[in-house]
Protein backbone atom coordinates (compact mmCIF):
# COMPACT_ATOMS: atom_id res chain seq x y z
CA UNK A 1 0.00 0.00 0.00
CA UNK A 2 1.45 3.37 -1.02
CA UNK A 3 1.98 6.20 1.41
CA UNK A 4 -0.58 8.99 1.63
CA UNK A 5 0.59 12.53 0.73
CA UNK A 6 0.82 13.40 4.45
CA UNK A 7 2.91 10.32 5.15
CA UNK A 8 5.19 11.13 2.20
CA UNK A 9 5.75 14.66 3.48
CA UNK A 10 6.50 13.32 6.96
CA UNK A 11 9.03 10.86 5.55
CA UNK A 12 10.61 13.61 3.43
CA UNK A 13 11.29 15.95 6.35
CA UNK A 14 13.00 13.13 8.21
CA UNK A 15 15.48 12.55 5.39
CA UNK A 16 19.05 13.67 5.95
CA UNK A 17 19.91 16.96 4.24
CA UNK A 18 22.74 16.96 1.70
CA UNK A 19 25.54 19.51 1.36
CA UNK A 20 23.95 20.68 -1.89
CA UNK A 21 20.65 21.34 -0.11
CA UNK A 22 22.42 23.29 2.62
CA UNK A 23 24.26 25.33 -0.01
CA UNK A 24 20.97 26.03 -1.81
CA UNK A 25 19.46 27.30 1.44
CA UNK A 26 22.58 29.43 2.03
CA UNK A 27 22.22 30.89 -1.48
CA UNK A 28 18.60 31.87 -0.76
CA UNK A 29 19.74 33.54 2.46
CA UNK A 30 22.50 35.40 0.60
CA UNK A 31 19.91 36.63 -1.90
CA UNK A 32 17.65 37.76 0.95
CA UNK A 33 20.54 39.62 2.57
CA UNK A 34 21.51 41.31 -0.69
CA UNK A 35 17.92 42.41 -1.39
CA UNK A 36 17.28 43.73 2.13
CA UNK A 37 14.88 41.04 3.34
CA UNK A 38 17.27 39.99 6.11
CA UNK A 39 19.53 42.01 8.36
CA UNK A 40 23.14 40.93 8.80
CA UNK A 41 22.35 39.55 12.27
CA UNK A 42 19.36 37.58 10.98
CA UNK A 43 21.41 36.27 8.08
CA UNK A 44 24.26 35.15 10.37
CA UNK A 45 21.83 33.40 12.72
CA UNK A 46 20.04 31.58 9.91
CA UNK A 47 23.27 30.66 8.15
CA UNK A 48 24.53 29.03 11.33
CA UNK A 49 21.26 27.10 11.61
CA UNK A 50 21.58 26.04 7.96
CA UNK A 51 24.93 24.37 8.38
CA UNK A 52 23.87 22.84 11.70
CA UNK A 53 20.73 21.29 10.16
CA UNK A 54 20.79 17.54 9.83
CA UNK A 55 17.45 16.90 8.12
CA UNK A 56 15.32 18.51 5.42
CA UNK A 57 12.74 19.24 8.10
CA UNK A 58 15.26 21.38 9.98
CA UNK A 59 16.18 23.26 6.80
CA UNK A 60 12.62 24.10 5.71
CA UNK A 61 11.72 26.69 8.41
CA UNK A 62 14.93 28.65 7.82
CA UNK A 63 13.62 30.06 4.52
CA UNK A 64 9.92 29.58 5.26
CA UNK A 65 9.19 33.33 5.35
CA UNK A 66 11.26 34.11 2.24
CA UNK A 67 9.95 34.02 -1.33
CA UNK A 68 10.67 30.93 -3.38
CA UNK A 69 13.17 31.66 -6.18
CA UNK A 70 11.68 31.31 -9.65
CA UNK A 71 12.62 28.17 -11.52
CA UNK A 72 15.92 28.70 -13.30
CA UNK A 73 16.44 32.13 -11.75
CA UNK A 74 19.94 33.17 -10.82
CA UNK A 75 20.12 34.15 -7.17
CA UNK A 76 21.67 37.51 -6.41
CA UNK A 77 25.38 37.10 -5.88
CA UNK A 78 26.88 38.38 -2.63
CA UNK A 79 28.19 41.91 -2.85
CA UNK A 80 31.90 42.71 -2.92
CA UNK A 81 32.63 39.68 -5.11
CA UNK A 82 34.99 41.65 -7.38
CA UNK A 83 38.74 41.04 -7.00
CA UNK A 84 40.60 43.20 -4.49
CA UNK A 85 43.58 44.48 -6.46
CA UNK A 86 46.12 46.82 -4.87
CA UNK A 87 48.71 48.25 -7.27
CA UNK A 88 51.11 50.70 -5.61
CA UNK A 89 48.38 51.28 -3.02
CA UNK A 90 46.73 49.88 0.10
CA UNK A 91 43.18 48.51 0.12
CA UNK A 92 41.27 47.34 3.18
CA UNK A 93 38.03 45.36 3.17
CA UNK A 94 36.37 44.99 6.55
CA UNK A 95 33.27 45.50 8.66
CA UNK A 96 30.06 43.52 8.23
CA UNK A 97 30.57 42.64 4.58
CA UNK A 98 29.12 39.45 3.08
CA UNK A 99 32.02 37.16 2.20
CA UNK A 100 31.48 35.47 -1.18
CA UNK A 101 32.44 31.81 -1.66
CA UNK A 102 35.60 32.88 -3.51
CA UNK A 103 37.59 36.06 -2.97
CA UNK A 104 40.63 37.12 -4.99
CA UNK A 105 43.12 39.45 -3.29
CA UNK A 106 46.20 40.66 -5.18
CA UNK A 107 48.92 42.96 -3.89
CA UNK A 108 51.49 44.23 -6.39
CA UNK A 109 53.89 46.71 -4.86
CA UNK A 110 51.09 47.42 -2.39
CA UNK A 111 49.05 45.95 0.47
CA UNK A 112 45.65 44.30 0.84
CA UNK A 113 43.97 43.77 4.21
CA UNK A 114 41.04 41.32 4.32
CA UNK A 115 39.33 41.62 7.71
CA UNK A 116 36.94 38.73 8.38
CA UNK A 117 36.44 39.33 12.11
CA UNK A 118 33.02 40.98 11.73
CA UNK A 119 32.22 39.67 8.26
CA UNK A 120 29.07 37.75 7.37
CA UNK A 121 29.97 34.38 5.85
CA UNK A 122 27.58 33.45 3.03
CA UNK A 123 29.03 29.93 3.08
CA UNK A 124 30.52 27.98 5.93
CA UNK A 125 33.61 27.30 3.80
CA UNK A 126 35.17 30.08 1.74
CA UNK A 127 38.27 30.35 -0.42
CA UNK A 128 40.59 33.36 -0.47
CA UNK A 129 43.04 33.39 -3.36
CA UNK A 130 45.81 35.58 -1.96
CA UNK A 131 48.56 36.56 -4.36
CA UNK A 132 51.40 38.98 -3.67
CA UNK A 133 54.18 40.28 -5.87
CA UNK A 134 56.52 42.60 -4.03
CA UNK A 135 53.58 43.33 -1.74
CA UNK A 136 51.66 42.09 1.30
CA UNK A 137 48.27 40.42 1.82
CA UNK A 138 47.11 40.32 5.44
CA UNK A 139 44.04 38.28 6.41
CA UNK A 140 42.48 38.82 9.84
CA UNK A 141 40.26 35.88 10.83
CA UNK A 142 37.81 35.38 13.73
CA UNK A 143 39.03 33.28 16.61
CA UNK A 144 36.55 30.51 15.77
CA UNK A 145 37.80 30.05 12.20
CA UNK A 146 39.74 27.07 10.94
CA UNK A 147 42.37 28.14 8.41
CA UNK A 148 44.05 25.99 5.78
CA UNK A 149 46.79 27.68 3.77
CA UNK A 150 47.75 25.64 0.71
CA UNK A 151 49.40 28.48 -1.20
CA UNK A 152 52.99 28.63 -2.37
CA UNK A 153 55.88 31.08 -2.10
CA UNK A 154 58.80 31.90 -4.38
CA UNK A 155 61.37 34.18 -2.76
CA UNK A 156 58.43 35.17 -0.58
CA UNK A 157 56.82 34.28 2.74
CA UNK A 158 53.54 32.87 4.06
CA UNK A 159 52.84 32.89 7.79
CA UNK A 160 50.01 32.22 10.22
CA UNK A 161 50.18 33.96 13.59
CA UNK A 162 48.08 32.86 16.53
CA UNK A 163 46.87 29.60 15.05
CA UNK A 164 49.58 27.02 15.55
CA UNK A 165 49.21 27.05 19.34
CA UNK A 166 45.56 25.92 19.17
CA UNK A 167 44.86 22.25 19.80
CA UNK A 168 42.21 20.22 18.02
CA UNK A 169 39.95 20.56 21.06
CA UNK A 170 40.13 24.37 20.81
CA UNK A 171 38.57 24.55 17.34
CA UNK A 172 34.96 25.67 17.08
CA UNK A 173 33.28 22.97 15.01
CA UNK A 174 30.56 25.45 13.98
CA UNK A 175 33.02 28.17 13.01
CA UNK A 176 33.84 29.18 9.44
CA UNK A 177 36.47 27.36 7.41
CA UNK A 178 38.85 29.56 5.41
CA UNK A 179 40.92 28.00 2.63
CA UNK A 180 43.77 30.22 1.46
CA UNK A 181 45.44 29.62 -1.89
CA UNK A 182 47.58 31.69 -4.23
CA UNK A 183 51.27 32.49 -4.64
CA UNK A 184 53.63 34.88 -2.91
CA UNK A 185 56.55 36.11 -5.05
CA UNK A 186 58.97 38.48 -3.33
CA UNK A 187 56.04 39.24 -1.03
CA UNK A 188 54.21 38.14 2.10
CA UNK A 189 50.83 36.52 2.82
CA UNK A 190 50.02 36.64 6.53
CA UNK A 191 47.07 35.28 8.54
CA UNK A 192 46.37 36.71 12.00
CA UNK A 193 43.93 36.04 14.83
CA UNK A 194 42.65 38.78 17.12
CA UNK A 195 42.78 36.67 20.30
CA UNK A 196 46.55 36.36 19.91
CA UNK A 197 47.24 39.89 18.73
CA UNK A 198 44.34 42.12 19.97
CA UNK A 199 46.38 45.29 19.37
CA UNK A 200 46.57 44.62 15.64
CA UNK A 201 44.15 46.40 13.37
CA UNK A 202 45.61 45.55 10.00
CA UNK A 203 48.04 48.46 9.97
C-alpha atoms as a PDB file:
ATOM      1  CA  UNK A   1       0.000   0.000   0.000  1.00  0.00           C
ATOM      2  CA  UNK A   2       1.447   3.375  -1.022  1.00  0.00           C
ATOM      3  CA  UNK A   3       1.978   6.203   1.406  1.00  0.00           C
ATOM      4  CA  UNK A   4      -0.579   8.989   1.634  1.00  0.00           C
ATOM      5  CA  UNK A   5       0.595  12.534   0.732  1.00  0.00           C
ATOM      6  CA  UNK A   6       0.820  13.400   4.450  1.00  0.00           C
ATOM      7  CA  UNK A   7       2.906  10.319   5.150  1.00  0.00           C
ATOM      8  CA  UNK A   8       5.187  11.132   2.200  1.00  0.00           C
ATOM      9  CA  UNK A   9       5.749  14.662   3.475  1.00  0.00           C
ATOM     10  CA  UNK A  10       6.501  13.320   6.959  1.00  0.00           C
ATOM     11  CA  UNK A  11       9.027  10.864   5.553  1.00  0.00           C
ATOM     12  CA  UNK A  12      10.613  13.609   3.430  1.00  0.00           C
ATOM     13  CA  UNK A  13      11.286  15.950   6.346  1.00  0.00           C
ATOM     14  CA  UNK A  14      12.997  13.133   8.213  1.00  0.00           C
ATOM     15  CA  UNK A  15      15.481  12.550   5.387  1.00  0.00           C
ATOM     16  CA  UNK A  16      19.050  13.673   5.950  1.00  0.00           C
ATOM     17  CA  UNK A  17      19.907  16.961   4.238  1.00  0.00           C
ATOM     18  CA  UNK A  18      22.740  16.965   1.698  1.00  0.00           C
ATOM     19  CA  UNK A  19      25.544  19.505   1.363  1.00  0.00           C
ATOM     20  CA  UNK A  20      23.947  20.681  -1.888  1.00  0.00           C
ATOM     21  CA  UNK A  21      20.646  21.337  -0.108  1.00  0.00           C
ATOM     22  CA  UNK A  22      22.416  23.293   2.621  1.00  0.00           C
ATOM     23  CA  UNK A  23      24.264  25.332  -0.015  1.00  0.00           C
ATOM     24  CA  UNK A  24      20.973  26.035  -1.810  1.00  0.00           C
ATOM     25  CA  UNK A  25      19.456  27.304   1.438  1.00  0.00           C
ATOM     26  CA  UNK A  26      22.576  29.426   2.033  1.00  0.00           C
ATOM     27  CA  UNK A  27      22.218  30.895  -1.480  1.00  0.00           C
ATOM     28  CA  UNK A  28      18.600  31.872  -0.756  1.00  0.00           C
ATOM     29  CA  UNK A  29      19.739  33.540   2.464  1.00  0.00           C
ATOM     30  CA  UNK A  30      22.502  35.399   0.605  1.00  0.00           C
ATOM     31  CA  UNK A  31      19.909  36.632  -1.901  1.00  0.00           C
ATOM     32  CA  UNK A  32      17.648  37.763   0.951  1.00  0.00           C
ATOM     33  CA  UNK A  33      20.542  39.616   2.572  1.00  0.00           C
ATOM     34  CA  UNK A  34      21.511  41.312  -0.691  1.00  0.00           C
ATOM     35  CA  UNK A  35      17.921  42.409  -1.389  1.00  0.00           C
ATOM     36  CA  UNK A  36      17.279  43.729   2.130  1.00  0.00           C
ATOM     37  CA  UNK A  37      14.877  41.037   3.337  1.00  0.00           C
ATOM     38  CA  UNK A  38      17.269  39.986   6.107  1.00  0.00           C
ATOM     39  CA  UNK A  39      19.531  42.014   8.358  1.00  0.00           C
ATOM     40  CA  UNK A  40      23.136  40.926   8.797  1.00  0.00           C
ATOM     41  CA  UNK A  41      22.348  39.552  12.269  1.00  0.00           C
ATOM     42  CA  UNK A  42      19.359  37.581  10.977  1.00  0.00           C
ATOM     43  CA  UNK A  43      21.413  36.267   8.084  1.00  0.00           C
ATOM     44  CA  UNK A  44      24.257  35.155  10.370  1.00  0.00           C
ATOM     45  CA  UNK A  45      21.825  33.401  12.722  1.00  0.00           C
ATOM     46  CA  UNK A  46      20.037  31.580   9.910  1.00  0.00           C
ATOM     47  CA  UNK A  47      23.267  30.659   8.149  1.00  0.00           C
ATOM     48  CA  UNK A  48      24.531  29.026  11.330  1.00  0.00           C
ATOM     49  CA  UNK A  49      21.260  27.100  11.607  1.00  0.00           C
ATOM     50  CA  UNK A  50      21.577  26.042   7.961  1.00  0.00           C
ATOM     51  CA  UNK A  51      24.929  24.365   8.382  1.00  0.00           C
ATOM     52  CA  UNK A  52      23.865  22.844  11.700  1.00  0.00           C
ATOM     53  CA  UNK A  53      20.726  21.289  10.157  1.00  0.00           C
ATOM     54  CA  UNK A  54      20.791  17.538   9.829  1.00  0.00           C
ATOM     55  CA  UNK A  55      17.451  16.898   8.117  1.00  0.00           C
ATOM     56  CA  UNK A  56      15.319  18.513   5.421  1.00  0.00           C
ATOM     57  CA  UNK A  57      12.742  19.244   8.099  1.00  0.00           C
ATOM     58  CA  UNK A  58      15.262  21.378   9.980  1.00  0.00           C
ATOM     59  CA  UNK A  59      16.176  23.261   6.797  1.00  0.00           C
ATOM     60  CA  UNK A  60      12.622  24.097   5.706  1.00  0.00           C
ATOM     61  CA  UNK A  61      11.724  26.692   8.406  1.00  0.00           C
ATOM     62  CA  UNK A  62      14.933  28.651   7.816  1.00  0.00           C
ATOM     63  CA  UNK A  63      13.623  30.064   4.522  1.00  0.00           C
ATOM     64  CA  UNK A  64       9.915  29.577   5.261  1.00  0.00           C
ATOM     65  CA  UNK A  65       9.192  33.328   5.354  1.00  0.00           C
ATOM     66  CA  UNK A  66      11.259  34.109   2.243  1.00  0.00           C
ATOM     67  CA  UNK A  67       9.947  34.022  -1.333  1.00  0.00           C
ATOM     68  CA  UNK A  68      10.673  30.928  -3.377  1.00  0.00           C
ATOM     69  CA  UNK A  69      13.166  31.658  -6.175  1.00  0.00           C
ATOM     70  CA  UNK A  70      11.684  31.310  -9.647  1.00  0.00           C
ATOM     71  CA  UNK A  71      12.624  28.165 -11.524  1.00  0.00           C
ATOM     72  CA  UNK A  72      15.924  28.701 -13.301  1.00  0.00           C
ATOM     73  CA  UNK A  73      16.444  32.125 -11.753  1.00  0.00           C
ATOM     74  CA  UNK A  74      19.944  33.171 -10.817  1.00  0.00           C
ATOM     75  CA  UNK A  75      20.119  34.148  -7.170  1.00  0.00           C
ATOM     76  CA  UNK A  76      21.665  37.507  -6.408  1.00  0.00           C
ATOM     77  CA  UNK A  77      25.383  37.104  -5.878  1.00  0.00           C
ATOM     78  CA  UNK A  78      26.879  38.382  -2.628  1.00  0.00           C
ATOM     79  CA  UNK A  79      28.192  41.906  -2.849  1.00  0.00           C
ATOM     80  CA  UNK A  80      31.902  42.711  -2.920  1.00  0.00           C
ATOM     81  CA  UNK A  81      32.628  39.676  -5.108  1.00  0.00           C
ATOM     82  CA  UNK A  82      34.994  41.647  -7.378  1.00  0.00           C
ATOM     83  CA  UNK A  83      38.741  41.045  -6.995  1.00  0.00           C
ATOM     84  CA  UNK A  84      40.602  43.203  -4.493  1.00  0.00           C
ATOM     85  CA  UNK A  85      43.576  44.476  -6.464  1.00  0.00           C
ATOM     86  CA  UNK A  86      46.121  46.823  -4.869  1.00  0.00           C
ATOM     87  CA  UNK A  87      48.710  48.254  -7.266  1.00  0.00           C
ATOM     88  CA  UNK A  88      51.108  50.703  -5.611  1.00  0.00           C
ATOM     89  CA  UNK A  89      48.382  51.277  -3.018  1.00  0.00           C
ATOM     90  CA  UNK A  90      46.727  49.875   0.103  1.00  0.00           C
ATOM     91  CA  UNK A  91      43.181  48.509   0.124  1.00  0.00           C
ATOM     92  CA  UNK A  92      41.273  47.341   3.178  1.00  0.00           C
ATOM     93  CA  UNK A  93      38.035  45.363   3.170  1.00  0.00           C
ATOM     94  CA  UNK A  94      36.366  44.992   6.552  1.00  0.00           C
ATOM     95  CA  UNK A  95      33.269  45.502   8.665  1.00  0.00           C
ATOM     96  CA  UNK A  96      30.062  43.516   8.226  1.00  0.00           C
ATOM     97  CA  UNK A  97      30.571  42.645   4.581  1.00  0.00           C
ATOM     98  CA  UNK A  98      29.125  39.447   3.076  1.00  0.00           C
ATOM     99  CA  UNK A  99      32.018  37.157   2.196  1.00  0.00           C
ATOM    100  CA  UNK A 100      31.476  35.467  -1.182  1.00  0.00           C
ATOM    101  CA  UNK A 101      32.439  31.811  -1.663  1.00  0.00           C
ATOM    102  CA  UNK A 102      35.605  32.876  -3.513  1.00  0.00           C
ATOM    103  CA  UNK A 103      37.593  36.058  -2.974  1.00  0.00           C
ATOM    104  CA  UNK A 104      40.631  37.121  -4.995  1.00  0.00           C
ATOM    105  CA  UNK A 105      43.121  39.451  -3.288  1.00  0.00           C
ATOM    106  CA  UNK A 106      46.201  40.657  -5.177  1.00  0.00           C
ATOM    107  CA  UNK A 107      48.924  42.960  -3.888  1.00  0.00           C
ATOM    108  CA  UNK A 108      51.491  44.231  -6.389  1.00  0.00           C
ATOM    109  CA  UNK A 109      53.889  46.709  -4.855  1.00  0.00           C
ATOM    110  CA  UNK A 110      51.086  47.416  -2.392  1.00  0.00           C
ATOM    111  CA  UNK A 111      49.051  45.947   0.471  1.00  0.00           C
ATOM    112  CA  UNK A 112      45.650  44.299   0.843  1.00  0.00           C
ATOM    113  CA  UNK A 113      43.965  43.769   4.211  1.00  0.00           C
ATOM    114  CA  UNK A 114      41.043  41.322   4.320  1.00  0.00           C
ATOM    115  CA  UNK A 115      39.334  41.618   7.711  1.00  0.00           C
ATOM    116  CA  UNK A 116      36.935  38.726   8.380  1.00  0.00           C
ATOM    117  CA  UNK A 117      36.438  39.330  12.107  1.00  0.00           C
ATOM    118  CA  UNK A 118      33.021  40.976  11.729  1.00  0.00           C
ATOM    119  CA  UNK A 119      32.223  39.673   8.255  1.00  0.00           C
ATOM    120  CA  UNK A 120      29.067  37.748   7.369  1.00  0.00           C
ATOM    121  CA  UNK A 121      29.973  34.384   5.851  1.00  0.00           C
ATOM    122  CA  UNK A 122      27.584  33.451   3.031  1.00  0.00           C
ATOM    123  CA  UNK A 123      29.031  29.932   3.077  1.00  0.00           C
ATOM    124  CA  UNK A 124      30.519  27.978   5.927  1.00  0.00           C
ATOM    125  CA  UNK A 125      33.609  27.305   3.803  1.00  0.00           C
ATOM    126  CA  UNK A 126      35.167  30.085   1.735  1.00  0.00           C
ATOM    127  CA  UNK A 127      38.268  30.351  -0.421  1.00  0.00           C
ATOM    128  CA  UNK A 128      40.591  33.362  -0.471  1.00  0.00           C
ATOM    129  CA  UNK A 129      43.042  33.394  -3.365  1.00  0.00           C
ATOM    130  CA  UNK A 130      45.812  35.576  -1.957  1.00  0.00           C
ATOM    131  CA  UNK A 131      48.563  36.560  -4.359  1.00  0.00           C
ATOM    132  CA  UNK A 132      51.397  38.978  -3.668  1.00  0.00           C
ATOM    133  CA  UNK A 133      54.181  40.275  -5.869  1.00  0.00           C
ATOM    134  CA  UNK A 134      56.516  42.599  -4.029  1.00  0.00           C
ATOM    135  CA  UNK A 135      53.584  43.334  -1.735  1.00  0.00           C
ATOM    136  CA  UNK A 136      51.657  42.086   1.298  1.00  0.00           C
ATOM    137  CA  UNK A 137      48.273  40.424   1.823  1.00  0.00           C
ATOM    138  CA  UNK A 138      47.108  40.324   5.437  1.00  0.00           C
ATOM    139  CA  UNK A 139      44.039  38.284   6.408  1.00  0.00           C
ATOM    140  CA  UNK A 140      42.475  38.816   9.839  1.00  0.00           C
ATOM    141  CA  UNK A 141      40.263  35.883  10.835  1.00  0.00           C
ATOM    142  CA  UNK A 142      37.814  35.385  13.725  1.00  0.00           C
ATOM    143  CA  UNK A 143      39.031  33.280  16.611  1.00  0.00           C
ATOM    144  CA  UNK A 144      36.553  30.506  15.767  1.00  0.00           C
ATOM    145  CA  UNK A 145      37.798  30.048  12.198  1.00  0.00           C
ATOM    146  CA  UNK A 146      39.741  27.069  10.936  1.00  0.00           C
ATOM    147  CA  UNK A 147      42.374  28.140   8.408  1.00  0.00           C
ATOM    148  CA  UNK A 148      44.046  25.995   5.783  1.00  0.00           C
ATOM    149  CA  UNK A 149      46.791  27.682   3.765  1.00  0.00           C
ATOM    150  CA  UNK A 150      47.753  25.637   0.712  1.00  0.00           C
ATOM    151  CA  UNK A 151      49.396  28.475  -1.195  1.00  0.00           C
ATOM    152  CA  UNK A 152      52.994  28.631  -2.372  1.00  0.00           C
ATOM    153  CA  UNK A 153      55.876  31.078  -2.102  1.00  0.00           C
ATOM    154  CA  UNK A 154      58.798  31.896  -4.383  1.00  0.00           C
ATOM    155  CA  UNK A 155      61.373  34.180  -2.762  1.00  0.00           C
ATOM    156  CA  UNK A 156      58.432  35.171  -0.581  1.00  0.00           C
ATOM    157  CA  UNK A 157      56.821  34.282   2.738  1.00  0.00           C
ATOM    158  CA  UNK A 158      53.545  32.870   4.061  1.00  0.00           C
ATOM    159  CA  UNK A 159      52.842  32.893   7.787  1.00  0.00           C
ATOM    160  CA  UNK A 160      50.010  32.221  10.224  1.00  0.00           C
ATOM    161  CA  UNK A 161      50.183  33.961  13.593  1.00  0.00           C
ATOM    162  CA  UNK A 162      48.079  32.864  16.535  1.00  0.00           C
ATOM    163  CA  UNK A 163      46.870  29.597  15.046  1.00  0.00           C
ATOM    164  CA  UNK A 164      49.580  27.024  15.550  1.00  0.00           C
ATOM    165  CA  UNK A 165      49.206  27.048  19.341  1.00  0.00           C
ATOM    166  CA  UNK A 166      45.561  25.921  19.170  1.00  0.00           C
ATOM    167  CA  UNK A 167      44.862  22.249  19.799  1.00  0.00           C
ATOM    168  CA  UNK A 168      42.207  20.221  18.024  1.00  0.00           C
ATOM    169  CA  UNK A 169      39.947  20.558  21.062  1.00  0.00           C
ATOM    170  CA  UNK A 170      40.132  24.366  20.812  1.00  0.00           C
ATOM    171  CA  UNK A 171      38.567  24.553  17.338  1.00  0.00           C
ATOM    172  CA  UNK A 172      34.955  25.672  17.080  1.00  0.00           C
ATOM    173  CA  UNK A 173      33.275  22.969  15.011  1.00  0.00           C
ATOM    174  CA  UNK A 174      30.559  25.448  13.982  1.00  0.00           C
ATOM    175  CA  UNK A 175      33.024  28.166  13.011  1.00  0.00           C
ATOM    176  CA  UNK A 176      33.836  29.180   9.441  1.00  0.00           C
ATOM    177  CA  UNK A 177      36.470  27.360   7.406  1.00  0.00           C
ATOM    178  CA  UNK A 178      38.850  29.561   5.415  1.00  0.00           C
ATOM    179  CA  UNK A 179      40.917  28.003   2.629  1.00  0.00           C
ATOM    180  CA  UNK A 180      43.774  30.216   1.458  1.00  0.00           C
ATOM    181  CA  UNK A 181      45.435  29.615  -1.891  1.00  0.00           C
ATOM    182  CA  UNK A 182      47.584  31.693  -4.227  1.00  0.00           C
ATOM    183  CA  UNK A 183      51.270  32.491  -4.638  1.00  0.00           C
ATOM    184  CA  UNK A 184      53.633  34.880  -2.908  1.00  0.00           C
ATOM    185  CA  UNK A 185      56.549  36.108  -5.052  1.00  0.00           C
ATOM    186  CA  UNK A 186      58.969  38.482  -3.331  1.00  0.00           C
ATOM    187  CA  UNK A 187      56.038  39.242  -1.032  1.00  0.00           C
ATOM    188  CA  UNK A 188      54.211  38.136   2.105  1.00  0.00           C
ATOM    189  CA  UNK A 189      50.827  36.525   2.819  1.00  0.00           C
ATOM    190  CA  UNK A 190      50.023  36.639   6.530  1.00  0.00           C
ATOM    191  CA  UNK A 191      47.073  35.284   8.539  1.00  0.00           C
ATOM    192  CA  UNK A 192      46.375  36.708  12.000  1.00  0.00           C
ATOM    193  CA  UNK A 193      43.926  36.038  14.826  1.00  0.00           C
ATOM    194  CA  UNK A 194      42.655  38.777  17.120  1.00  0.00           C
ATOM    195  CA  UNK A 195      42.782  36.669  20.295  1.00  0.00           C
ATOM    196  CA  UNK A 196      46.547  36.356  19.906  1.00  0.00           C
ATOM    197  CA  UNK A 197      47.241  39.890  18.732  1.00  0.00           C
ATOM    198  CA  UNK A 198      44.340  42.117  19.967  1.00  0.00           C
ATOM    199  CA  UNK A 199      46.382  45.286  19.373  1.00  0.00           C
ATOM    200  CA  UNK A 200      46.566  44.618  15.643  1.00  0.00           C
ATOM    201  CA  UNK A 201      44.153  46.401  13.365  1.00  0.00           C
ATOM    202  CA  UNK A 202      45.609  45.545   9.998  1.00  0.00           C
ATOM    203  CA  UNK A 203      48.038  48.463   9.968  1.00  0.00           C
END
